[in-house]
Amino acid sequence: MPKMSSEPAAPCKRTTLHGPTMGTRWSVSVYADSTLDLVALRQDLAAAVEQVDAQMSPWKPDSDLVRLNRAPVDAWVDLPAEMLEVLDGALNVYRLSAGAFDPCVGALVDAWGFGAVRDAPDAQAIRAASQPTPHTANGCLELDRPAGRARRRAPLQLDLCGIAKGYAVDRMAAVLQQHGVRHGLAALDGELRAVGGQASGVPWAVALEHPGAGRRAVHGVIELEDLAVATSGDYRRYLQVGDARLAHTMDARRGAPVNNAVASVTVLASACMQADAWATALLVAGPDEGLAMAQRMGLDVLFLLHRAEGLVEVGLGRFGRSADQQIGQAMQAPRTEAAGKPG
């Protein structure tokens, strides 16, 4: 007969792991007992995000993305399965958003000083990058996922910054599940994904950042359980040109940075890659087109809009309920993680 232990089950402790990546930091909060190897978990989490960065960074000269951008037009380039998955997801959101999300904005990003080439706008580069082209993202890139390759069909520059960080969060969530974690929250630069809820049985409390330039404040709190969230806005990463504040997100249809009444847009989804891409798409689309698009796609989305009377909330899906029901006050949710991407 097996010997029965009289020792009580080891209690779960909340632990936070973190590290640098992609010019920012990743972090994970988990509830774990003594059987979880935290050293191995941290190593695997760091490896997962570093793999995404090594494949999809426009700043690393040896990344797979840079290699694809430098390849001759119509030349097939062998790519890892992870990057092909992200490219496929980017093209899908491009089609569904009628081009509001466009992975071929790399030249515009660089021309306006937000990329790896320059840190200030260059008028000549802007004119060149803004030239009308008959090519679309759907036509400029061809994927052959069974063969593990892709090719550009036009001399356009790919940029995956609007989707890759969300994918990295999904990879971290997968690592947590592989290690048997049932209660975890993965975060990277404002993109977050919850694995289950907290060990107490309540959801994870995530702070929604107030979209104010030059200061960090909490607008409200979102609860996550087996759910991802991403926020895009115009309030953190931008250029001040005279009286104009130019957000780093590009509107490929205008050939210029986003310029509309959206202060921020927050999207809930089962996968963070989808939430990330759709938050970018809806920011670009603007309040009218974006709301119609979100409604058509059945998205859970919260717009914070600049109006003469101040910020106005407009929500759909799970955000369509009253603010008191969906977005709690910050004081009611201690130990929150921040949700808000530089814009």
Protein backbone atom coordinates (compact mmCIF):
# COMPACT_ATOMS: atom_id res chain seq x y z
CA MET A 1 0.00 0.00 0.00
CA PRO A 2 1.47 3.38 -0.96
CA LYS A 3 2.65 5.51 1.90
CA MET A 4 0.39 8.52 2.38
CA SER A 5 2.05 11.82 2.98
CA SER A 6 0.81 13.93 5.84
CA GLU A 7 2.47 17.03 4.36
CA PRO A 8 -0.01 19.68 3.14
CA ALA A 9 0.05 20.66 -0.50
CA ALA A 10 2.64 23.33 -1.25
CA PRO A 11 0.98 26.75 -1.45
CA CYS A 12 1.10 28.73 -4.68
CA LYS A 13 3.14 31.90 -4.54
CA ARG A 14 2.91 34.76 -6.99
CA THR A 15 6.22 35.22 -8.79
CA THR A 16 7.24 37.70 -11.47
CA LEU A 17 9.84 36.94 -14.13
CA HIS A 18 11.11 39.53 -16.59
CA GLY A 19 13.86 40.47 -19.01
CA PRO A 20 14.86 42.83 -21.82
CA THR A 21 13.79 42.40 -25.45
CA MET A 22 12.82 44.45 -28.52
CA GLY A 23 13.92 47.71 -26.94
CA THR A 24 11.56 47.18 -24.00
CA ARG A 25 10.93 44.42 -21.43
CA TRP A 26 8.86 41.28 -21.23
CA SER A 27 7.32 40.15 -17.98
CA VAL A 28 5.33 37.21 -16.69
CA SER A 29 3.42 36.84 -13.43
CA VAL A 30 2.67 33.27 -12.34
CA TYR A 31 1.26 31.46 -9.34
CA ALA A 32 3.50 28.47 -8.76
CA ASP A 33 4.39 25.94 -6.12
CA SER A 34 7.84 24.53 -5.40
CA THR A 35 7.58 21.95 -8.20
CA LEU A 36 7.84 24.60 -10.92
CA ASP A 37 11.40 25.12 -12.14
CA LEU A 38 11.50 28.91 -12.32
CA VAL A 39 15.03 29.00 -13.74
CA ALA A 40 14.07 26.77 -16.67
CA LEU A 41 10.82 28.68 -17.15
CA ARG A 42 12.61 32.02 -17.35
CA GLN A 43 15.15 30.63 -19.81
CA ASP A 44 12.40 29.30 -22.07
CA LEU A 45 10.42 32.54 -21.90
CA ALA A 46 13.49 34.60 -22.78
CA ALA A 47 14.32 32.24 -25.64
CA ALA A 48 10.79 32.50 -27.03
CA VAL A 49 10.76 36.31 -27.21
CA GLU A 50 14.34 36.47 -28.46
CA GLN A 51 13.47 34.09 -31.28
CA VAL A 52 10.65 36.40 -32.40
CA ASP A 53 13.00 39.39 -32.22
CA ALA A 54 15.73 37.58 -34.16
CA GLN A 55 13.28 36.67 -36.89
CA MET A 56 11.11 39.79 -37.19
CA SER A 57 13.09 42.81 -35.99
CA PRO A 58 13.65 45.60 -38.54
CA TRP A 59 16.57 46.82 -36.40
CA LYS A 60 18.65 43.62 -36.49
CA PRO A 61 20.62 43.51 -39.77
CA ASP A 62 20.71 39.70 -39.73
CA SER A 63 16.99 39.15 -38.95
CA ASP A 64 14.85 37.08 -41.29
CA LEU A 65 12.69 40.15 -41.95
CA VAL A 66 15.65 42.24 -43.08
CA ARG A 67 16.87 39.32 -45.18
CA LEU A 68 13.48 39.12 -46.89
CA ASN A 69 13.39 42.89 -47.47
CA ARG A 70 16.86 42.84 -49.04
CA ALA A 71 16.18 39.89 -51.33
CA PRO A 72 15.58 40.65 -55.02
CA VAL A 73 11.95 41.02 -56.06
CA ASP A 74 10.46 37.65 -57.06
CA ALA A 75 13.27 35.71 -55.32
CA TRP A 76 12.03 33.00 -52.95
CA VAL A 77 13.46 33.29 -49.41
CA ASP A 78 13.46 30.41 -46.94
CA LEU A 79 11.82 31.50 -43.68
CA PRO A 80 11.09 29.89 -40.29
CA ALA A 81 7.57 28.61 -39.69
CA GLU A 82 6.94 31.18 -36.94
CA MET A 83 7.58 34.12 -39.23
CA LEU A 84 5.45 32.63 -41.98
CA GLU A 85 2.62 32.29 -39.46
CA VAL A 86 2.90 35.99 -38.59
CA LEU A 87 3.11 37.03 -42.25
CA ASP A 88 0.01 34.97 -42.99
CA GLY A 89 -1.80 36.59 -40.06
CA ALA A 90 -0.73 40.05 -41.21
CA LEU A 91 -2.03 39.50 -44.72
CA ASN A 92 -5.31 38.16 -43.37
CA VAL A 93 -5.91 41.27 -41.23
CA TYR A 94 -4.84 43.42 -44.19
CA ARG A 95 -7.58 41.88 -46.31
CA LEU A 96 -10.24 42.02 -43.62
CA SER A 97 -9.42 45.62 -42.70
CA ALA A 98 -9.41 46.86 -46.31
CA GLY A 99 -5.76 47.86 -45.99
CA ALA A 100 -6.00 49.72 -42.68
CA PHE A 101 -3.47 47.23 -41.34
CA ASP A 102 -0.65 47.10 -43.87
CA PRO A 103 2.59 45.16 -43.28
CA CYS A 104 4.24 46.95 -46.24
CA VAL A 105 4.72 50.32 -44.48
CA GLY A 106 8.43 49.85 -43.73
CA ALA A 107 9.61 52.60 -46.09
CA LEU A 108 7.10 55.05 -44.60
CA VAL A 109 8.15 54.16 -41.05
CA ASP A 110 11.80 54.83 -41.93
CA ALA A 111 11.03 58.00 -43.91
CA TRP A 112 9.15 59.57 -41.00
CA GLY A 113 11.98 58.79 -38.55
CA PHE A 114 10.41 55.93 -36.61
CA GLY A 115 12.49 53.07 -38.02
CA ALA A 116 16.07 51.85 -38.03
CA VAL A 117 17.32 54.21 -40.76
CA ARG A 118 16.77 57.71 -39.26
CA ASP A 119 15.37 59.40 -36.16
CA ALA A 120 13.78 62.43 -37.85
CA PRO A 121 11.53 62.91 -40.89
CA ASP A 122 13.24 63.20 -44.27
CA ALA A 123 11.21 65.08 -46.89
CA GLN A 124 12.80 63.35 -49.87
CA ALA A 125 12.36 59.89 -48.36
CA ILE A 126 8.74 60.72 -47.46
CA ARG A 127 7.98 61.76 -51.03
CA ALA A 128 9.53 58.56 -52.37
CA ALA A 129 7.73 56.33 -49.86
CA SER A 130 4.41 58.08 -50.46
CA GLN A 131 4.35 57.59 -54.20
CA PRO A 132 1.17 55.81 -55.28
CA THR A 133 1.73 52.20 -56.27
CA PRO A 134 -0.54 49.67 -57.95
CA HIS A 135 0.73 47.03 -55.58
CA THR A 136 -1.07 46.09 -52.37
CA ALA A 137 0.19 44.04 -49.45
CA ASN A 138 -1.95 41.18 -50.69
CA GLY A 139 -0.24 41.31 -54.06
CA CYS A 140 3.29 42.28 -53.06
CA LEU A 141 3.91 39.22 -50.91
CA GLU A 142 3.47 35.56 -51.76
CA LEU A 143 3.71 32.83 -49.14
CA ASP A 144 4.45 29.16 -49.66
CA ARG A 145 4.04 27.82 -46.13
CA PRO A 146 4.32 24.11 -47.03
CA ALA A 147 7.73 24.82 -48.58
CA GLY A 148 8.70 27.27 -45.81
CA ARG A 149 9.35 30.26 -48.05
CA ALA A 150 8.07 33.64 -49.20
CA ARG A 151 8.83 36.21 -51.87
CA ARG A 152 8.13 39.87 -52.44
CA ARG A 153 6.41 40.56 -55.74
CA ALA A 154 7.12 44.31 -55.60
CA PRO A 155 9.91 46.52 -54.15
CA LEU A 156 8.03 47.27 -50.95
CA GLN A 157 9.48 47.09 -47.44
CA LEU A 158 7.80 44.85 -44.90
CA ASP A 159 7.35 45.90 -41.28
CA LEU A 160 5.80 43.61 -38.64
CA CYS A 161 5.94 45.92 -35.62
CA GLY A 162 2.15 46.09 -35.51
CA ILE A 163 1.77 42.35 -34.95
CA ALA A 164 5.07 40.74 -33.87
CA LYS A 165 4.93 41.78 -30.21
CA GLY A 166 1.46 40.31 -29.89
CA TYR A 167 2.78 37.09 -31.38
CA ALA A 168 5.67 37.11 -28.89
CA VAL A 169 3.12 37.30 -26.05
CA ASP A 170 1.32 34.28 -27.53
CA ARG A 171 4.63 32.42 -27.58
CA MET A 172 5.17 33.26 -23.91
CA ALA A 173 1.69 32.01 -23.07
CA ALA A 174 2.50 28.76 -24.89
CA VAL A 175 5.68 28.38 -22.82
CA LEU A 176 3.68 28.84 -19.63
CA GLN A 177 1.27 26.11 -20.68
CA GLN A 178 4.15 23.80 -21.65
CA HIS A 179 5.52 24.19 -18.12
CA GLY A 180 2.15 23.31 -16.62
CA VAL A 181 1.32 26.84 -15.44
CA ARG A 182 -2.43 27.24 -14.94
CA HIS A 183 -2.41 30.79 -13.60
CA GLY A 184 -0.21 33.22 -15.50
CA LEU A 185 -0.13 36.60 -17.20
CA ALA A 186 2.35 37.37 -20.00
CA ALA A 187 3.06 40.97 -21.00
CA LEU A 188 5.21 42.77 -23.55
CA ASP A 189 5.03 46.52 -24.09
CA GLY A 190 1.29 46.84 -23.52
CA GLU A 191 0.23 43.54 -25.10
CA LEU A 192 -0.95 40.95 -22.56
CA ARG A 193 -2.40 37.46 -22.47
CA ALA A 194 -3.81 35.62 -19.49
CA VAL A 195 -3.45 31.87 -18.96
CA GLY A 196 -6.42 31.12 -16.75
CA GLY A 197 -7.16 33.54 -13.95
CA GLN A 198 -5.41 34.18 -10.66
CA ALA A 199 -4.98 31.31 -8.21
CA SER A 200 -7.70 32.81 -6.00
CA GLY A 201 -10.22 32.27 -8.79
CA VAL A 202 -10.59 35.92 -9.77
CA PRO A 203 -9.50 37.25 -13.19
CA TRP A 204 -6.25 39.12 -13.72
CA ALA A 205 -6.66 42.88 -13.28
CA VAL A 206 -5.03 44.83 -16.11
CA ALA A 207 -4.72 48.60 -16.03
CA LEU A 208 -5.88 50.46 -19.13
CA GLU A 209 -3.56 53.42 -19.59
CA HIS A 210 -4.95 56.93 -19.86
CA PRO A 211 -3.98 58.27 -23.31
CA GLY A 212 -2.23 61.41 -22.15
CA ALA A 213 1.10 62.49 -23.65
CA GLY A 214 3.98 63.05 -21.26
CA ARG A 215 2.46 61.32 -18.24
CA ARG A 216 1.49 57.85 -17.13
CA ALA A 217 -1.90 57.39 -15.50
CA VAL A 218 -4.57 54.70 -15.26
CA HIS A 219 -7.86 55.22 -17.11
CA GLY A 220 -9.51 52.08 -15.78
CA VAL A 221 -9.09 48.35 -15.24
CA ILE A 222 -9.89 45.39 -17.49
CA GLU A 223 -10.29 41.82 -16.19
CA LEU A 224 -8.66 38.99 -18.15
CA GLU A 225 -9.08 35.24 -17.93
CA ASP A 226 -7.87 33.07 -20.84
CA LEU A 227 -7.95 36.21 -22.93
CA ALA A 228 -5.54 38.66 -24.61
CA VAL A 229 -5.62 42.44 -24.87
CA ALA A 230 -3.73 45.01 -26.93
CA THR A 231 -3.94 48.79 -27.07
CA SER A 232 -2.71 51.20 -29.74
CA GLY A 233 -2.74 54.98 -29.45
CA ASP A 234 -1.23 58.31 -30.36
CA TYR A 235 0.08 59.33 -26.98
CA ARG A 236 3.49 57.83 -26.22
CA ARG A 237 5.67 57.37 -29.28
CA TYR A 238 5.32 60.35 -31.56
CA LEU A 239 7.13 63.25 -33.21
CA GLN A 240 6.28 66.86 -32.49
CA VAL A 241 6.47 68.88 -35.72
CA GLY A 242 5.38 72.44 -35.00
CA ASP A 243 1.93 72.23 -33.47
CA ALA A 244 1.33 68.77 -34.94
CA ARG A 245 1.87 65.54 -33.00
CA LEU A 246 2.63 62.70 -35.41
CA ALA A 247 2.02 59.19 -34.10
CA HIS A 248 4.45 56.45 -35.13
CA THR A 249 1.67 54.32 -36.65
CA MET A 250 1.53 54.73 -40.42
CA ASP A 251 -1.58 55.05 -42.56
CA ALA A 252 -0.40 53.50 -45.82
CA ARG A 253 -3.52 54.70 -47.59
CA ARG A 254 -2.54 58.33 -46.92
CA GLY A 255 1.20 57.78 -47.02
CA ALA A 256 1.54 59.53 -43.67
CA PRO A 257 1.27 59.01 -39.91
CA VAL A 258 -2.15 58.45 -38.39
CA ASN A 259 -4.07 61.70 -37.94
CA ASN A 260 -7.60 61.22 -36.64
CA ALA A 261 -9.69 61.57 -33.51
CA VAL A 262 -8.72 58.22 -31.96
CA ALA A 263 -6.73 58.65 -28.74
CA SER A 264 -6.47 54.90 -28.19
CA VAL A 265 -8.18 51.69 -29.19
CA THR A 266 -8.17 48.51 -27.09
CA VAL A 267 -9.04 45.08 -28.47
CA LEU A 268 -9.77 41.81 -26.67
CA ALA A 269 -9.15 38.50 -28.48
CA SER A 270 -8.28 34.90 -27.75
CA ALA A 271 -4.81 35.40 -29.31
CA CYS A 272 -2.63 38.44 -28.67
CA MET A 273 -1.37 38.49 -32.27
CA GLN A 274 -4.94 39.14 -33.43
CA ALA A 275 -5.59 41.75 -30.73
CA ASP A 276 -2.34 43.54 -31.62
CA ALA A 277 -3.00 43.66 -35.38
CA TRP A 278 -6.63 44.74 -34.99
CA ALA A 279 -5.75 47.48 -32.49
CA THR A 280 -3.36 48.88 -35.10
CA ALA A 281 -5.91 48.51 -37.91
CA LEU A 282 -8.67 50.27 -35.98
CA LEU A 283 -6.37 53.11 -34.91
CA VAL A 284 -5.54 53.70 -38.58
CA ALA A 285 -9.16 53.35 -39.72
CA GLY A 286 -10.35 56.08 -37.35
CA PRO A 287 -13.56 56.45 -35.36
CA ASP A 288 -16.19 56.09 -38.09
CA GLU A 289 -14.65 53.50 -40.38
CA GLY A 290 -13.04 51.73 -37.42
CA LEU A 291 -16.28 51.33 -35.48
CA ALA A 292 -18.08 50.03 -38.56
CA MET A 293 -15.22 47.62 -39.21
CA ALA A 294 -15.14 46.37 -35.61
CA GLN A 295 -18.89 45.84 -35.64
CA ARG A 296 -18.72 43.94 -38.92
CA MET A 297 -15.93 41.71 -37.56
CA GLY A 298 -17.67 41.17 -34.20
CA LEU A 299 -14.69 42.52 -32.25
CA ASP A 300 -14.58 43.39 -28.56
CA VAL A 301 -13.19 46.91 -28.78
CA LEU A 302 -13.01 50.12 -26.78
CA PHE A 303 -12.29 53.43 -28.51
CA LEU A 304 -11.20 56.47 -26.53
CA LEU A 305 -11.91 59.44 -28.78
CA HIS A 306 -10.72 63.05 -28.68
CA ARG A 307 -13.78 65.28 -28.54
CA ALA A 308 -14.28 68.96 -27.71
CA GLU A 309 -15.68 67.96 -24.31
CA GLY A 310 -12.73 65.65 -23.60
CA LEU A 311 -12.22 61.90 -23.94
CA VAL A 312 -15.27 59.93 -24.98
CA GLU A 313 -15.57 56.12 -24.64
CA VAL A 314 -17.23 54.08 -27.38
CA GLY A 315 -17.32 50.30 -26.92
CA LEU A 316 -18.50 47.23 -28.79
CA GLY A 317 -18.93 43.58 -27.80
CA ARG A 318 -17.77 43.03 -24.24
CA PHE A 319 -16.96 46.75 -24.07
CA GLY A 320 -20.50 47.60 -25.17
CA ARG A 321 -21.81 47.33 -21.64
CA SER A 322 -21.64 50.36 -19.41
CA ALA A 323 -18.25 51.57 -18.29
CA ASP A 324 -19.03 50.64 -14.67
CA GLN A 325 -19.70 47.04 -15.71
CA GLN A 326 -16.73 46.57 -18.04
CA ILE A 327 -14.05 48.97 -16.86
CA GLY A 328 -13.57 49.16 -13.12
CA GLN A 329 -11.86 51.94 -11.23
CA ALA A 330 -8.13 51.57 -10.70
CA MET A 331 -8.41 51.69 -6.91
CA GLN A 332 -10.54 48.55 -6.91
CA ALA A 333 -7.89 46.38 -8.57
CA PRO A 334 -4.50 46.25 -6.81
CA ARG A 335 -1.34 44.84 -8.43
CA THR A 336 -2.41 45.47 -12.01
CA GLU A 337 -0.31 45.14 -15.13
CA ALA A 338 -0.32 48.00 -17.63
CA ALA A 339 -2.06 47.71 -20.99
CA GLY A 340 -1.09 50.36 -23.49
CA LYS A 341 1.24 50.40 -26.47
CA PRO A 342 3.40 53.41 -27.30
CA GLY A 343 1.79 55.51 -29.93
